[in-house]
Amino acid sequence: MTNLTAKDLDVLVHVLTGEEMAFKKARMYANTLTDAALAGEMEQIASQHEQRFLALYSVLGGTR
């Protein structure tokens, strides 16, 4: 892990929270949509947010 300042950590936690909320909400929407094409698009969006979340989380040395 690189040396992060307190400000860096604050920003990282803020972005992590946003990405986590985005992928969870998008996944929830994907599971509730009745249009298969829209559900598929929403699942792709959820996966992209989750990938960003995991990449940022790994900066903190976390594993999931």
N, C-alpha and C. Protein backbone atom coordinates (compact mmCIF):
# COMPACT_ATOMS: atom_id res chain seq x y z
N MET A 1 0.84 -1.17 0.00
CA MET A 1 0.00 0.00 0.00
C MET A 1 0.89 1.24 0.00
N THR A 2 0.49 2.22 -0.76
CA THR A 2 1.23 3.48 -0.79
C THR A 2 0.91 4.29 0.46
N ASN A 3 1.77 5.26 0.73
CA ASN A 3 1.53 6.13 1.89
C ASN A 3 0.42 7.11 1.54
N LEU A 4 -0.67 7.02 2.26
CA LEU A 4 -1.82 7.89 2.02
C LEU A 4 -1.96 8.87 3.17
N THR A 5 -2.30 10.09 2.82
CA THR A 5 -2.55 11.09 3.85
C THR A 5 -3.96 10.89 4.41
N ALA A 6 -4.25 11.59 5.49
CA ALA A 6 -5.59 11.52 6.07
C ALA A 6 -6.62 12.01 5.07
N LYS A 7 -6.28 13.05 4.32
CA LYS A 7 -7.20 13.59 3.31
C LYS A 7 -7.42 12.55 2.21
N ASP A 8 -6.35 11.87 1.77
CA ASP A 8 -6.48 10.81 0.77
C ASP A 8 -7.42 9.72 1.25
N LEU A 9 -7.28 9.33 2.49
CA LEU A 9 -8.13 8.28 3.05
C LEU A 9 -9.58 8.73 3.13
N ASP A 10 -9.80 9.99 3.50
CA ASP A 10 -11.17 10.52 3.56
C ASP A 10 -11.82 10.47 2.18
N VAL A 11 -11.08 10.90 1.17
CA VAL A 11 -11.62 10.90 -0.19
C VAL A 11 -11.86 9.47 -0.66
N LEU A 12 -10.93 8.58 -0.38
CA LEU A 12 -11.06 7.19 -0.79
C LEU A 12 -12.28 6.54 -0.15
N VAL A 13 -12.49 6.78 1.12
CA VAL A 13 -13.65 6.22 1.83
C VAL A 13 -14.94 6.78 1.23
N HIS A 14 -14.95 8.06 0.91
CA HIS A 14 -16.13 8.69 0.30
C HIS A 14 -16.45 8.05 -1.05
N VAL A 15 -15.44 7.87 -1.88
CA VAL A 15 -15.64 7.27 -3.20
C VAL A 15 -16.04 5.80 -3.07
N LEU A 16 -15.40 5.09 -2.15
CA LEU A 16 -15.76 3.68 -1.91
C LEU A 16 -17.22 3.55 -1.52
N THR A 17 -17.67 4.41 -0.65
CA THR A 17 -19.07 4.38 -0.21
C THR A 17 -20.01 4.60 -1.39
N GLY A 18 -19.68 5.57 -2.23
CA GLY A 18 -20.51 5.85 -3.41
C GLY A 18 -20.55 4.69 -4.38
N GLU A 19 -19.39 4.09 -4.65
CA GLU A 19 -19.33 2.96 -5.58
C GLU A 19 -20.09 1.75 -5.02
N GLU A 20 -19.96 1.52 -3.71
CA GLU A 20 -20.67 0.40 -3.10
C GLU A 20 -22.18 0.59 -3.19
N MET A 21 -22.63 1.80 -2.88
CA MET A 21 -24.07 2.07 -2.97
C MET A 21 -24.55 1.93 -4.41
N ALA A 22 -23.75 2.42 -5.35
CA ALA A 22 -24.14 2.36 -6.76
C ALA A 22 -24.26 0.92 -7.24
N PHE A 23 -23.29 0.06 -6.90
CA PHE A 23 -23.39 -1.31 -7.41
C PHE A 23 -24.50 -2.08 -6.71
N LYS A 24 -24.74 -1.80 -5.44
CA LYS A 24 -25.83 -2.51 -4.75
C LYS A 24 -27.20 -2.08 -5.28
N LYS A 25 -27.37 -0.78 -5.51
CA LYS A 25 -28.65 -0.29 -6.04
C LYS A 25 -28.87 -0.78 -7.46
N ALA A 26 -27.84 -0.72 -8.28
CA ALA A 26 -27.97 -1.17 -9.67
C ALA A 26 -28.30 -2.66 -9.72
N ARG A 27 -27.68 -3.44 -8.86
CA ARG A 27 -27.97 -4.88 -8.82
C ARG A 27 -29.41 -5.12 -8.36
N MET A 28 -29.87 -4.34 -7.40
CA MET A 28 -31.24 -4.47 -6.93
C MET A 28 -32.21 -4.13 -8.07
N TYR A 29 -31.93 -3.04 -8.79
CA TYR A 29 -32.78 -2.67 -9.91
C TYR A 29 -32.76 -3.76 -10.99
N ALA A 30 -31.59 -4.32 -11.26
CA ALA A 30 -31.48 -5.37 -12.27
C ALA A 30 -32.35 -6.57 -11.90
N ASN A 31 -32.42 -6.85 -10.61
CA ASN A 31 -33.22 -7.99 -10.15
C ASN A 31 -34.72 -7.72 -10.14
N THR A 32 -35.11 -6.45 -10.18
CA THR A 32 -36.53 -6.14 -10.13
C THR A 32 -37.12 -5.74 -11.48
N LEU A 33 -36.27 -5.41 -12.44
CA LEU A 33 -36.78 -5.03 -13.77
C LEU A 33 -37.38 -6.24 -14.48
N THR A 34 -38.49 -6.02 -15.16
CA THR A 34 -39.12 -7.11 -15.90
C THR A 34 -38.67 -7.16 -17.35
N ASP A 35 -38.14 -6.07 -17.87
CA ASP A 35 -37.60 -6.04 -19.23
C ASP A 35 -36.20 -6.64 -19.20
N ALA A 36 -36.01 -7.75 -19.88
CA ALA A 36 -34.74 -8.48 -19.83
C ALA A 36 -33.57 -7.64 -20.35
N ALA A 37 -33.81 -6.85 -21.40
CA ALA A 37 -32.74 -6.03 -21.96
C ALA A 37 -32.30 -4.96 -20.96
N LEU A 38 -33.27 -4.32 -20.33
CA LEU A 38 -32.94 -3.31 -19.32
C LEU A 38 -32.26 -3.94 -18.11
N ALA A 39 -32.74 -5.10 -17.70
CA ALA A 39 -32.13 -5.79 -16.57
C ALA A 39 -30.67 -6.14 -16.87
N GLY A 40 -30.41 -6.56 -18.10
CA GLY A 40 -29.05 -6.89 -18.50
C GLY A 40 -28.14 -5.66 -18.49
N GLU A 41 -28.66 -4.55 -18.98
CA GLU A 41 -27.90 -3.30 -18.96
C GLU A 41 -27.61 -2.87 -17.53
N MET A 42 -28.60 -2.98 -16.68
CA MET A 42 -28.42 -2.58 -15.28
C MET A 42 -27.42 -3.49 -14.59
N GLU A 43 -27.41 -4.77 -14.92
CA GLU A 43 -26.43 -5.69 -14.35
C GLU A 43 -25.02 -5.33 -14.80
N GLN A 44 -24.87 -4.90 -16.03
CA GLN A 44 -23.56 -4.46 -16.52
C GLN A 44 -23.09 -3.23 -15.74
N ILE A 45 -24.00 -2.31 -15.52
CA ILE A 45 -23.68 -1.11 -14.75
C ILE A 45 -23.27 -1.50 -13.34
N ALA A 46 -24.01 -2.42 -12.74
CA ALA A 46 -23.67 -2.89 -11.39
C ALA A 46 -22.28 -3.50 -11.36
N SER A 47 -21.97 -4.31 -12.36
CA SER A 47 -20.65 -4.96 -12.41
C SER A 47 -19.52 -3.95 -12.55
N GLN A 48 -19.75 -2.91 -13.35
CA GLN A 48 -18.72 -1.88 -13.52
C GLN A 48 -18.47 -1.14 -12.20
N HIS A 49 -19.53 -0.80 -11.50
CA HIS A 49 -19.37 -0.14 -10.20
C HIS A 49 -18.69 -1.06 -9.20
N GLU A 50 -19.05 -2.34 -9.23
CA GLU A 50 -18.43 -3.29 -8.30
C GLU A 50 -16.94 -3.45 -8.59
N GLN A 51 -16.56 -3.48 -9.88
CA GLN A 51 -15.15 -3.59 -10.24
C GLN A 51 -14.36 -2.38 -9.74
N ARG A 52 -14.95 -1.19 -9.88
CA ARG A 52 -14.28 0.02 -9.38
C ARG A 52 -14.18 -0.03 -7.86
N PHE A 53 -15.25 -0.48 -7.20
CA PHE A 53 -15.22 -0.60 -5.74
C PHE A 53 -14.09 -1.53 -5.31
N LEU A 54 -13.99 -2.69 -5.94
CA LEU A 54 -12.96 -3.66 -5.55
C LEU A 54 -11.55 -3.15 -5.83
N ALA A 55 -11.38 -2.42 -6.93
CA ALA A 55 -10.07 -1.86 -7.24
C ALA A 55 -9.67 -0.82 -6.19
N LEU A 56 -10.61 0.03 -5.81
CA LEU A 56 -10.32 1.03 -4.78
C LEU A 56 -10.09 0.37 -3.43
N TYR A 57 -10.88 -0.64 -3.14
CA TYR A 57 -10.74 -1.35 -1.86
C TYR A 57 -9.37 -2.00 -1.74
N SER A 58 -8.85 -2.49 -2.86
CA SER A 58 -7.54 -3.14 -2.82
C SER A 58 -6.43 -2.14 -2.51
N VAL A 59 -6.66 -0.86 -2.80
CA VAL A 59 -5.68 0.18 -2.45
C VAL A 59 -5.48 0.22 -0.93
N LEU A 60 -6.54 -0.07 -0.22
CA LEU A 60 -6.47 -0.08 1.24
C LEU A 60 -5.89 -1.39 1.79
N GLY A 61 -5.59 -2.31 0.89
CA GLY A 61 -5.05 -3.60 1.32
C GLY A 61 -6.14 -4.59 1.69
N GLY A 62 -7.37 -4.28 1.35
CA GLY A 62 -8.49 -5.16 1.67
C GLY A 62 -8.65 -6.26 0.65
N THR A 63 -9.24 -7.33 1.09
CA THR A 63 -9.60 -8.42 0.19
C THR A 63 -11.07 -8.70 0.40
N ARG A 64 -11.70 -9.12 -0.66
CA ARG A 64 -13.13 -9.38 -0.56
C ARG A 64 -13.48 -10.59 -1.37
